[in-house]
Amino acid sequence: MDTAIEKAKQKIEYLSSHEETMRIYYERERSLHERANMISSAEIRAEKKAKLEIANNLLDVLDDETISIKTGLNIEEIKTLRENK
């Protein structure tokens, strides 16, 4: 077997045999997943905010249906924007 692969295998066996090391590993994995979820949520919020800003800028020149088609927002969201303008 390739020496690099054998060394990696030995390291995995060593690390997985220690309870504290495994706990730290799983905690780090959980933390990475949480971070990815936070980034994804922030991106979704930013995209929604941008759509609302674009729709708000189009209210005085386009009808609700056209704004909905162009921004991907639903008609109710656009009506709410129009009412609050």
N, C-alpha and C. Protein backbone atom coordinates (compact mmCIF):
# COMPACT_ATOMS: atom_id res chain seq x y z
N MET A 1 0.85 -1.18 0.00
CA MET A 1 0.00 0.00 0.00
C MET A 1 0.90 1.25 0.00
N ASP A 2 0.43 2.28 -0.65
CA ASP A 2 1.16 3.54 -0.72
C ASP A 2 1.41 4.08 0.69
N THR A 3 2.61 4.57 0.94
CA THR A 3 2.96 5.05 2.28
C THR A 3 2.09 6.21 2.74
N ALA A 4 1.74 7.12 1.84
CA ALA A 4 0.90 8.26 2.22
C ALA A 4 -0.48 7.77 2.64
N ILE A 5 -1.01 6.81 1.91
CA ILE A 5 -2.33 6.25 2.26
C ILE A 5 -2.25 5.52 3.59
N GLU A 6 -1.18 4.76 3.78
CA GLU A 6 -1.01 4.02 5.04
C GLU A 6 -0.90 4.99 6.22
N LYS A 7 -0.16 6.07 6.05
CA LYS A 7 -0.03 7.06 7.12
C LYS A 7 -1.38 7.71 7.43
N ALA A 8 -2.12 8.03 6.38
CA ALA A 8 -3.45 8.63 6.58
C ALA A 8 -4.36 7.67 7.31
N LYS A 9 -4.31 6.39 6.92
CA LYS A 9 -5.14 5.37 7.58
C LYS A 9 -4.78 5.26 9.06
N GLN A 10 -3.49 5.25 9.37
CA GLN A 10 -3.05 5.16 10.76
C GLN A 10 -3.50 6.39 11.56
N LYS A 11 -3.42 7.55 10.93
CA LYS A 11 -3.83 8.78 11.62
C LYS A 11 -5.33 8.75 11.91
N ILE A 12 -6.12 8.31 10.95
CA ILE A 12 -7.57 8.22 11.15
C ILE A 12 -7.89 7.24 12.28
N GLU A 13 -7.23 6.10 12.27
CA GLU A 13 -7.46 5.11 13.33
C GLU A 13 -7.08 5.69 14.69
N TYR A 14 -5.97 6.40 14.75
CA TYR A 14 -5.51 7.00 16.00
C TYR A 14 -6.50 8.05 16.50
N LEU A 15 -6.89 8.95 15.60
CA LEU A 15 -7.79 10.03 16.01
C LEU A 15 -9.16 9.50 16.39
N SER A 16 -9.66 8.51 15.66
CA SER A 16 -11.00 8.01 15.96
C SER A 16 -11.04 7.17 17.22
N SER A 17 -9.89 6.78 17.73
CA SER A 17 -9.88 5.98 18.95
C SER A 17 -9.91 6.84 20.21
N HIS A 18 -9.80 8.14 20.08
CA HIS A 18 -9.81 9.04 21.23
C HIS A 18 -11.14 9.78 21.31
N GLU A 19 -11.83 9.57 22.40
CA GLU A 19 -13.16 10.14 22.58
C GLU A 19 -13.16 11.67 22.50
N GLU A 20 -12.22 12.30 23.16
CA GLU A 20 -12.16 13.77 23.16
C GLU A 20 -11.89 14.31 21.76
N THR A 21 -11.02 13.65 21.03
CA THR A 21 -10.72 14.07 19.66
C THR A 21 -11.97 13.96 18.79
N MET A 22 -12.71 12.89 18.95
CA MET A 22 -13.94 12.70 18.18
C MET A 22 -14.98 13.76 18.55
N ARG A 23 -15.07 14.08 19.83
CA ARG A 23 -16.01 15.11 20.26
C ARG A 23 -15.66 16.45 19.61
N ILE A 24 -14.38 16.78 19.62
CA ILE A 24 -13.93 18.03 19.01
C ILE A 24 -14.23 18.02 17.51
N TYR A 25 -13.98 16.90 16.87
CA TYR A 25 -14.25 16.77 15.43
C TYR A 25 -15.73 17.01 15.14
N TYR A 26 -16.61 16.34 15.87
CA TYR A 26 -18.04 16.48 15.63
C TYR A 26 -18.53 17.90 15.95
N GLU A 27 -17.96 18.50 16.97
CA GLU A 27 -18.32 19.88 17.32
C GLU A 27 -17.91 20.83 16.19
N ARG A 28 -16.75 20.60 15.63
CA ARG A 28 -16.29 21.44 14.51
C ARG A 28 -17.19 21.24 13.29
N GLU A 29 -17.55 20.01 13.01
CA GLU A 29 -18.46 19.73 11.89
C GLU A 29 -19.79 20.45 12.08
N ARG A 30 -20.33 20.38 13.30
CA ARG A 30 -21.59 21.05 13.61
C ARG A 30 -21.45 22.56 13.40
N SER A 31 -20.34 23.09 13.87
CA SER A 31 -20.09 24.52 13.73
C SER A 31 -20.00 24.93 12.26
N LEU A 32 -19.34 24.12 11.44
CA LEU A 32 -19.24 24.41 10.01
C LEU A 32 -20.60 24.38 9.34
N HIS A 33 -21.44 23.42 9.74
CA HIS A 33 -22.80 23.35 9.18
C HIS A 33 -23.62 24.56 9.59
N GLU A 34 -23.52 24.97 10.84
CA GLU A 34 -24.23 26.16 11.32
C GLU A 34 -23.79 27.40 10.55
N ARG A 35 -22.51 27.52 10.33
CA ARG A 35 -21.98 28.67 9.59
C ARG A 35 -22.51 28.68 8.16
N ALA A 36 -22.52 27.52 7.52
CA ALA A 36 -23.03 27.43 6.15
C ALA A 36 -24.50 27.81 6.11
N ASN A 37 -25.27 27.36 7.11
CA ASN A 37 -26.69 27.71 7.17
C ASN A 37 -26.89 29.21 7.38
N MET A 38 -26.07 29.82 8.22
CA MET A 38 -26.17 31.26 8.46
C MET A 38 -25.86 32.04 7.19
N ILE A 39 -24.84 31.61 6.47
CA ILE A 39 -24.48 32.29 5.22
C ILE A 39 -25.61 32.15 4.21
N SER A 40 -26.16 30.95 4.10
CA SER A 40 -27.26 30.71 3.16
C SER A 40 -28.47 31.57 3.51
N SER A 41 -28.80 31.64 4.79
CA SER A 41 -29.93 32.47 5.22
C SER A 41 -29.69 33.94 4.91
N ALA A 42 -28.48 34.41 5.13
CA ALA A 42 -28.15 35.81 4.84
C ALA A 42 -28.26 36.10 3.35
N GLU A 43 -27.83 35.15 2.53
CA GLU A 43 -27.93 35.33 1.08
C GLU A 43 -29.39 35.40 0.64
N ILE A 44 -30.23 34.55 1.22
CA ILE A 44 -31.66 34.55 0.88
C ILE A 44 -32.29 35.87 1.28
N ARG A 45 -31.97 36.36 2.49
CA ARG A 45 -32.52 37.64 2.94
C ARG A 45 -32.06 38.79 2.04
N ALA A 46 -30.80 38.77 1.65
CA ALA A 46 -30.26 39.83 0.78
C ALA A 46 -30.94 39.80 -0.59
N GLU A 47 -31.17 38.61 -1.11
CA GLU A 47 -31.84 38.49 -2.40
C GLU A 47 -33.27 39.02 -2.32
N LYS A 48 -33.97 38.68 -1.24
CA LYS A 48 -35.34 39.16 -1.05
C LYS A 48 -35.36 40.68 -0.93
N LYS A 49 -34.42 41.23 -0.17
CA LYS A 49 -34.34 42.68 0.01
C LYS A 49 -34.11 43.37 -1.34
N ALA A 50 -33.23 42.81 -2.15
CA ALA A 50 -32.95 43.39 -3.47
C ALA A 50 -34.19 43.36 -4.35
N LYS A 51 -34.93 42.25 -4.31
CA LYS A 51 -36.15 42.15 -5.11
C LYS A 51 -37.18 43.19 -4.67
N LEU A 52 -37.30 43.38 -3.36
CA LEU A 52 -38.25 44.37 -2.84
C LEU A 52 -37.84 45.78 -3.24
N GLU A 53 -36.54 46.07 -3.21
CA GLU A 53 -36.06 47.39 -3.61
C GLU A 53 -36.33 47.64 -5.10
N ILE A 54 -36.07 46.64 -5.92
CA ILE A 54 -36.33 46.78 -7.36
C ILE A 54 -37.82 46.99 -7.59
N ALA A 55 -38.64 46.17 -6.94
CA ALA A 55 -40.09 46.30 -7.10
C ALA A 55 -40.55 47.68 -6.67
N ASN A 56 -40.03 48.16 -5.57
CA ASN A 56 -40.40 49.48 -5.06
C ASN A 56 -40.06 50.57 -6.08
N ASN A 57 -38.94 50.43 -6.76
CA ASN A 57 -38.55 51.41 -7.78
C ASN A 57 -39.40 51.32 -9.04
N LEU A 58 -40.05 50.19 -9.25
CA LEU A 58 -40.87 50.00 -10.45
C LEU A 58 -42.34 50.34 -10.24
N LEU A 59 -42.74 50.59 -9.00
CA LEU A 59 -44.16 50.80 -8.70
C LEU A 59 -44.79 51.94 -9.49
N ASP A 60 -44.03 52.98 -9.75
CA ASP A 60 -44.62 54.13 -10.44
C ASP A 60 -44.59 54.01 -11.97
N VAL A 61 -43.98 52.94 -12.49
CA VAL A 61 -43.91 52.80 -13.95
C VAL A 61 -44.51 51.51 -14.50
N LEU A 62 -44.73 50.52 -13.63
CA LEU A 62 -45.27 49.24 -14.10
C LEU A 62 -46.45 48.79 -13.25
N ASP A 63 -47.27 47.92 -13.83
CA ASP A 63 -48.39 47.34 -13.08
C ASP A 63 -47.87 46.19 -12.21
N ASP A 64 -48.71 45.78 -11.25
CA ASP A 64 -48.32 44.76 -10.28
C ASP A 64 -47.93 43.43 -10.94
N GLU A 65 -48.68 43.02 -11.95
CA GLU A 65 -48.41 41.74 -12.60
C GLU A 65 -47.04 41.74 -13.28
N THR A 66 -46.71 42.81 -13.96
CA THR A 66 -45.41 42.90 -14.64
C THR A 66 -44.28 42.92 -13.62
N ILE A 67 -44.46 43.66 -12.55
CA ILE A 67 -43.44 43.70 -11.49
C ILE A 67 -43.25 42.30 -10.91
N SER A 68 -44.35 41.59 -10.72
CA SER A 68 -44.29 40.24 -10.19
C SER A 68 -43.49 39.32 -11.12
N ILE A 69 -43.76 39.42 -12.40
CA ILE A 69 -43.06 38.59 -13.38
C ILE A 69 -41.57 38.91 -13.39
N LYS A 70 -41.24 40.17 -13.36
CA LYS A 70 -39.84 40.59 -13.47
C LYS A 70 -39.02 40.38 -12.20
N THR A 71 -39.67 40.43 -11.03
CA THR A 71 -38.92 40.30 -9.77
C THR A 71 -39.06 38.93 -9.13
N GLY A 72 -40.11 38.19 -9.49
CA GLY A 72 -40.34 36.92 -8.83
C GLY A 72 -41.12 37.04 -7.53
N LEU A 73 -41.50 38.26 -7.17
CA LEU A 73 -42.32 38.47 -5.98
C LEU A 73 -43.76 38.15 -6.32
N ASN A 74 -44.54 37.76 -5.31
CA ASN A 74 -45.95 37.50 -5.60
C ASN A 74 -46.74 38.81 -5.57
N ILE A 75 -47.93 38.76 -6.15
CA ILE A 75 -48.77 39.95 -6.29
C ILE A 75 -49.08 40.58 -4.93
N GLU A 76 -49.33 39.76 -3.92
CA GLU A 76 -49.65 40.29 -2.58
C GLU A 76 -48.50 41.11 -2.02
N GLU A 77 -47.28 40.65 -2.22
CA GLU A 77 -46.12 41.42 -1.74
C GLU A 77 -46.03 42.77 -2.44
N ILE A 78 -46.33 42.78 -3.72
CA ILE A 78 -46.27 44.02 -4.49
C ILE A 78 -47.40 44.96 -4.06
N LYS A 79 -48.59 44.41 -3.84
CA LYS A 79 -49.71 45.24 -3.36
C LYS A 79 -49.36 45.86 -2.02
N THR A 80 -48.75 45.09 -1.15
CA THR A 80 -48.34 45.61 0.16
C THR A 80 -47.33 46.74 -0.01
N LEU A 81 -46.36 46.55 -0.90
CA LEU A 81 -45.40 47.63 -1.18
C LEU A 81 -46.10 48.88 -1.67
N ARG A 82 -47.05 48.69 -2.58
CA ARG A 82 -47.76 49.82 -3.16
C ARG A 82 -48.57 50.55 -2.09
N GLU A 83 -49.20 49.81 -1.19
CA GLU A 83 -50.00 50.41 -0.11
C GLU A 83 -49.12 51.19 0.86
N ASN A 84 -47.91 50.73 1.07
CA ASN A 84 -47.01 51.36 2.04
C ASN A 84 -46.14 52.46 1.45
N LYS A 85 -46.26 52.69 0.14
CA LYS A 85 -45.42 53.71 -0.50
C LYS A 85 -45.93 55.10 -0.22
